[in-house]
Amino acid sequence: MDIDKDEAKRIAELARLGLDDDDAKRLAEEMAAILECFRALREADVEGVLPWIAPVAGSAPERPDIVEKSRAGKNALDGAPDRAGRHFRVPRVIG
């Protein structure tokens, strides 16, 4: 399936994105490149290759599922570097 500018605009509309013609053209090119990568993967010879399910042999360590008391309230703030009443105080991120 080839992606053209109109198809890119249709997909962008489904995602509630507004695109002008230049953005739609660039998006179509990027999506076509992504699809080309998948086409190349589809053609790869994987005969005899076992599925890879874990990056490390063996199983991951598990911890016991123990119910503990919540750290709600004052205890949760004990280690806070800065607080205001019952709230953590953090630097402003959005101007």
N, C-alpha and C. Protein backbone atom coordinates (compact mmCIF):
# COMPACT_ATOMS: atom_id res chain seq x y z
N MET A 1 0.84 -1.18 0.00
CA MET A 1 0.00 0.00 0.00
C MET A 1 0.89 1.24 0.00
N ASP A 2 0.69 2.07 -0.98
CA ASP A 2 1.44 3.32 -1.04
C ASP A 2 0.69 4.41 -0.30
N ILE A 3 1.44 5.27 0.33
CA ILE A 3 0.86 6.39 1.08
C ILE A 3 1.09 7.66 0.27
N ASP A 4 0.01 8.32 -0.12
CA ASP A 4 0.15 9.61 -0.80
C ASP A 4 -0.30 10.72 0.16
N LYS A 5 -0.24 11.92 -0.32
CA LYS A 5 -0.57 13.08 0.52
C LYS A 5 -2.01 13.01 1.02
N ASP A 6 -2.95 12.59 0.17
CA ASP A 6 -4.35 12.53 0.57
C ASP A 6 -4.57 11.47 1.65
N GLU A 7 -3.89 10.31 1.51
CA GLU A 7 -4.02 9.26 2.51
C GLU A 7 -3.42 9.72 3.84
N ALA A 8 -2.30 10.44 3.77
CA ALA A 8 -1.69 10.97 4.99
C ALA A 8 -2.63 11.95 5.68
N LYS A 9 -3.31 12.79 4.91
CA LYS A 9 -4.27 13.73 5.49
C LYS A 9 -5.44 12.99 6.13
N ARG A 10 -5.90 11.91 5.49
CA ARG A 10 -7.01 11.13 6.04
C ARG A 10 -6.61 10.49 7.37
N ILE A 11 -5.41 9.94 7.41
CA ILE A 11 -4.93 9.32 8.65
C ILE A 11 -4.75 10.38 9.73
N ALA A 12 -4.22 11.52 9.36
CA ALA A 12 -4.03 12.61 10.32
C ALA A 12 -5.37 13.09 10.86
N GLU A 13 -6.38 13.13 10.00
CA GLU A 13 -7.71 13.55 10.45
C GLU A 13 -8.27 12.56 11.47
N LEU A 14 -8.04 11.26 11.25
CA LEU A 14 -8.49 10.26 12.21
C LEU A 14 -7.82 10.45 13.57
N ALA A 15 -6.57 10.94 13.55
CA ALA A 15 -5.83 11.19 14.78
C ALA A 15 -6.08 12.60 15.31
N ARG A 16 -7.00 13.31 14.67
CA ARG A 16 -7.35 14.67 15.08
C ARG A 16 -6.17 15.63 14.95
N LEU A 17 -5.38 15.43 13.88
CA LEU A 17 -4.24 16.31 13.62
C LEU A 17 -4.56 17.17 12.41
N GLY A 18 -4.28 18.44 12.51
CA GLY A 18 -4.46 19.32 11.38
C GLY A 18 -3.15 19.46 10.62
N LEU A 19 -3.15 19.13 9.33
CA LEU A 19 -1.94 19.20 8.52
C LEU A 19 -2.16 20.11 7.33
N ASP A 20 -1.16 20.91 7.02
CA ASP A 20 -1.21 21.64 5.75
C ASP A 20 -0.60 20.73 4.68
N ASP A 21 -0.57 21.18 3.44
CA ASP A 21 -0.09 20.34 2.34
C ASP A 21 1.36 19.92 2.50
N ASP A 22 2.21 20.83 2.99
CA ASP A 22 3.63 20.50 3.16
C ASP A 22 3.81 19.42 4.23
N ASP A 23 3.10 19.57 5.35
CA ASP A 23 3.18 18.57 6.42
C ASP A 23 2.64 17.23 5.95
N ALA A 24 1.55 17.25 5.19
CA ALA A 24 0.96 16.01 4.69
C ALA A 24 1.91 15.30 3.74
N LYS A 25 2.59 16.06 2.91
CA LYS A 25 3.56 15.47 1.98
C LYS A 25 4.71 14.82 2.75
N ARG A 26 5.22 15.53 3.75
CA ARG A 26 6.33 14.98 4.55
C ARG A 26 5.88 13.75 5.33
N LEU A 27 4.67 13.79 5.90
CA LEU A 27 4.15 12.64 6.64
C LEU A 27 3.98 11.45 5.71
N ALA A 28 3.48 11.68 4.50
CA ALA A 28 3.31 10.59 3.54
C ALA A 28 4.66 9.94 3.22
N GLU A 29 5.69 10.75 3.05
CA GLU A 29 7.03 10.20 2.77
C GLU A 29 7.55 9.39 3.95
N GLU A 30 7.35 9.90 5.16
CA GLU A 30 7.83 9.19 6.35
C GLU A 30 7.07 7.88 6.55
N MET A 31 5.76 7.91 6.34
CA MET A 31 4.97 6.69 6.50
C MET A 31 5.33 5.67 5.43
N ALA A 32 5.60 6.13 4.21
CA ALA A 32 6.02 5.22 3.14
C ALA A 32 7.36 4.56 3.48
N ALA A 33 8.27 5.31 4.08
CA ALA A 33 9.56 4.75 4.48
C ALA A 33 9.37 3.70 5.57
N ILE A 34 8.47 3.96 6.51
CA ILE A 34 8.19 2.98 7.57
C ILE A 34 7.61 1.70 6.97
N LEU A 35 6.65 1.85 6.06
CA LEU A 35 6.06 0.68 5.43
C LEU A 35 7.09 -0.10 4.62
N GLU A 36 8.02 0.59 4.01
CA GLU A 36 9.09 -0.07 3.26
C GLU A 36 9.95 -0.93 4.18
N CYS A 37 10.21 -0.45 5.39
CA CYS A 37 10.96 -1.25 6.37
C CYS A 37 10.20 -2.53 6.70
N PHE A 38 8.88 -2.44 6.85
CA PHE A 38 8.09 -3.64 7.14
C PHE A 38 8.07 -4.59 5.95
N ARG A 39 8.07 -4.04 4.72
CA ARG A 39 8.14 -4.90 3.54
C ARG A 39 9.45 -5.67 3.53
N ALA A 40 10.54 -5.00 3.87
CA ALA A 40 11.84 -5.67 3.91
C ALA A 40 11.86 -6.76 4.98
N LEU A 41 11.25 -6.49 6.13
CA LEU A 41 11.19 -7.50 7.19
C LEU A 41 10.35 -8.71 6.75
N ARG A 42 9.29 -8.45 6.01
CA ARG A 42 8.43 -9.54 5.55
C ARG A 42 9.21 -10.48 4.63
N GLU A 43 10.17 -9.95 3.89
CA GLU A 43 10.94 -10.75 2.94
C GLU A 43 12.13 -11.46 3.59
N ALA A 44 12.43 -11.16 4.84
CA ALA A 44 13.58 -11.78 5.50
C ALA A 44 13.35 -13.28 5.67
N ASP A 45 14.40 -14.05 5.45
CA ASP A 45 14.32 -15.50 5.61
C ASP A 45 14.48 -15.84 7.09
N VAL A 46 13.42 -16.32 7.71
CA VAL A 46 13.45 -16.66 9.13
C VAL A 46 13.24 -18.16 9.35
N GLU A 47 13.43 -18.92 8.29
CA GLU A 47 13.28 -20.37 8.38
C GLU A 47 14.27 -20.93 9.39
N GLY A 48 13.77 -21.63 10.38
CA GLY A 48 14.63 -22.24 11.39
C GLY A 48 15.04 -21.32 12.52
N VAL A 49 14.59 -20.09 12.51
CA VAL A 49 14.92 -19.14 13.57
C VAL A 49 13.83 -19.24 14.64
N LEU A 50 14.26 -19.53 15.85
CA LEU A 50 13.30 -19.65 16.95
C LEU A 50 12.86 -18.27 17.42
N PRO A 51 11.63 -18.14 17.89
CA PRO A 51 11.17 -16.85 18.42
C PRO A 51 11.99 -16.46 19.64
N TRP A 52 12.23 -15.19 19.78
CA TRP A 52 13.01 -14.67 20.90
C TRP A 52 12.02 -14.13 21.92
N ILE A 53 12.01 -14.72 23.11
CA ILE A 53 11.01 -14.29 24.09
C ILE A 53 11.61 -13.60 25.29
N ALA A 54 12.92 -13.70 25.49
CA ALA A 54 13.53 -13.07 26.65
C ALA A 54 14.97 -12.70 26.32
N PRO A 55 15.42 -11.51 26.71
CA PRO A 55 16.79 -11.10 26.41
C PRO A 55 17.83 -11.85 27.23
N VAL A 56 17.42 -12.47 28.33
CA VAL A 56 18.35 -13.18 29.20
C VAL A 56 17.81 -14.58 29.44
N ALA A 57 18.69 -15.56 29.37
CA ALA A 57 18.26 -16.92 29.62
C ALA A 57 17.81 -17.07 31.07
N GLY A 58 16.88 -17.97 31.29
CA GLY A 58 16.37 -18.18 32.64
C GLY A 58 15.15 -17.32 32.90
N SER A 59 14.74 -17.30 34.13
CA SER A 59 13.55 -16.52 34.46
C SER A 59 13.92 -15.29 35.29
N ALA A 60 13.07 -14.33 35.27
CA ALA A 60 13.29 -13.11 36.04
C ALA A 60 13.02 -13.39 37.52
N PRO A 61 13.80 -12.80 38.39
CA PRO A 61 13.55 -13.02 39.82
C PRO A 61 12.19 -12.43 40.21
N GLU A 62 11.54 -13.11 41.10
CA GLU A 62 10.23 -12.65 41.56
C GLU A 62 10.32 -12.27 43.03
N ARG A 63 9.51 -11.33 43.44
CA ARG A 63 9.46 -10.97 44.85
C ARG A 63 8.12 -11.43 45.40
N PRO A 64 8.06 -11.71 46.67
CA PRO A 64 6.78 -12.16 47.23
C PRO A 64 5.75 -11.03 47.22
N ASP A 65 4.50 -11.39 47.07
CA ASP A 65 3.42 -10.42 47.06
C ASP A 65 2.95 -10.24 48.51
N ILE A 66 3.49 -9.22 49.15
CA ILE A 66 3.20 -8.98 50.56
C ILE A 66 2.40 -7.69 50.70
N VAL A 67 1.30 -7.75 51.41
CA VAL A 67 0.49 -6.57 51.66
C VAL A 67 1.14 -5.79 52.78
N GLU A 68 1.39 -4.50 52.52
CA GLU A 68 2.01 -3.62 53.52
C GLU A 68 1.15 -2.39 53.71
N LYS A 69 1.37 -1.71 54.81
CA LYS A 69 0.63 -0.49 55.09
C LYS A 69 1.06 0.60 54.10
N SER A 70 0.10 1.39 53.67
CA SER A 70 0.35 2.47 52.75
C SER A 70 1.22 3.54 53.39
N ARG A 71 2.00 4.27 52.55
CA ARG A 71 2.80 5.38 53.05
C ARG A 71 2.04 6.69 52.90
N ALA A 72 0.74 6.63 52.89
CA ALA A 72 -0.07 7.83 52.71
C ALA A 72 0.10 8.78 53.90
N GLY A 73 -0.19 10.02 53.63
CA GLY A 73 -0.15 11.02 54.69
C GLY A 73 1.25 11.51 55.00
N LYS A 74 1.50 11.80 56.27
CA LYS A 74 2.75 12.41 56.70
C LYS A 74 3.96 11.55 56.38
N ASN A 75 3.86 10.21 56.51
CA ASN A 75 5.00 9.35 56.25
C ASN A 75 5.52 9.48 54.83
N ALA A 76 4.64 9.69 53.88
CA ALA A 76 5.06 9.81 52.49
C ALA A 76 5.90 11.06 52.28
N LEU A 77 5.69 12.08 53.07
CA LEU A 77 6.41 13.34 52.90
C LEU A 77 7.69 13.41 53.72
N ASP A 78 7.95 12.42 54.56
CA ASP A 78 9.12 12.49 55.44
C ASP A 78 10.43 12.64 54.67
N GLY A 79 10.56 12.00 53.52
CA GLY A 79 11.81 12.08 52.77
C GLY A 79 11.81 13.14 51.69
N ALA A 80 10.77 13.94 51.63
CA ALA A 80 10.68 14.96 50.57
C ALA A 80 11.68 16.08 50.81
N PRO A 81 12.41 16.48 49.77
CA PRO A 81 13.36 17.58 49.94
C PRO A 81 12.68 18.93 50.19
N ASP A 82 11.45 19.07 49.69
CA ASP A 82 10.72 20.32 49.89
C ASP A 82 9.23 20.00 49.87
N ARG A 83 8.48 20.60 50.76
CA ARG A 83 7.05 20.35 50.79
C ARG A 83 6.32 21.60 51.26
N ALA A 84 5.03 21.61 50.95
CA ALA A 84 4.16 22.71 51.37
C ALA A 84 2.93 22.08 52.01
N GLY A 85 2.90 22.06 53.30
CA GLY A 85 1.78 21.42 53.99
C GLY A 85 1.76 19.93 53.73
N ARG A 86 0.67 19.45 53.15
CA ARG A 86 0.52 18.02 52.85
C ARG A 86 0.91 17.69 51.41
N HIS A 87 1.65 18.56 50.73
CA HIS A 87 1.97 18.38 49.31
C HIS A 87 3.47 18.44 49.08
N PHE A 88 3.93 17.68 48.07
CA PHE A 88 5.31 17.79 47.61
C PHE A 88 5.44 19.11 46.87
N ARG A 89 6.56 19.80 47.04
CA ARG A 89 6.84 21.01 46.29
C ARG A 89 7.93 20.67 45.29
N VAL A 90 7.65 20.95 44.02
CA VAL A 90 8.59 20.64 42.94
C VAL A 90 8.80 21.87 42.09
N PRO A 91 9.90 21.92 41.33
CA PRO A 91 10.13 23.07 40.45
C PRO A 91 9.06 23.15 39.37
N ARG A 92 8.73 24.36 38.95
CA ARG A 92 7.76 24.56 37.89
C ARG A 92 8.34 24.02 36.58
N VAL A 93 7.55 23.25 35.84
CA VAL A 93 8.01 22.66 34.61
C VAL A 93 7.43 23.38 33.41
N ILE A 94 6.19 23.80 33.52
CA ILE A 94 5.52 24.48 32.43
C ILE A 94 5.42 25.95 32.77
N GLY A 95 5.90 26.80 31.87
CA GLY A 95 5.93 28.24 32.11
C GLY A 95 4.66 28.88 32.01
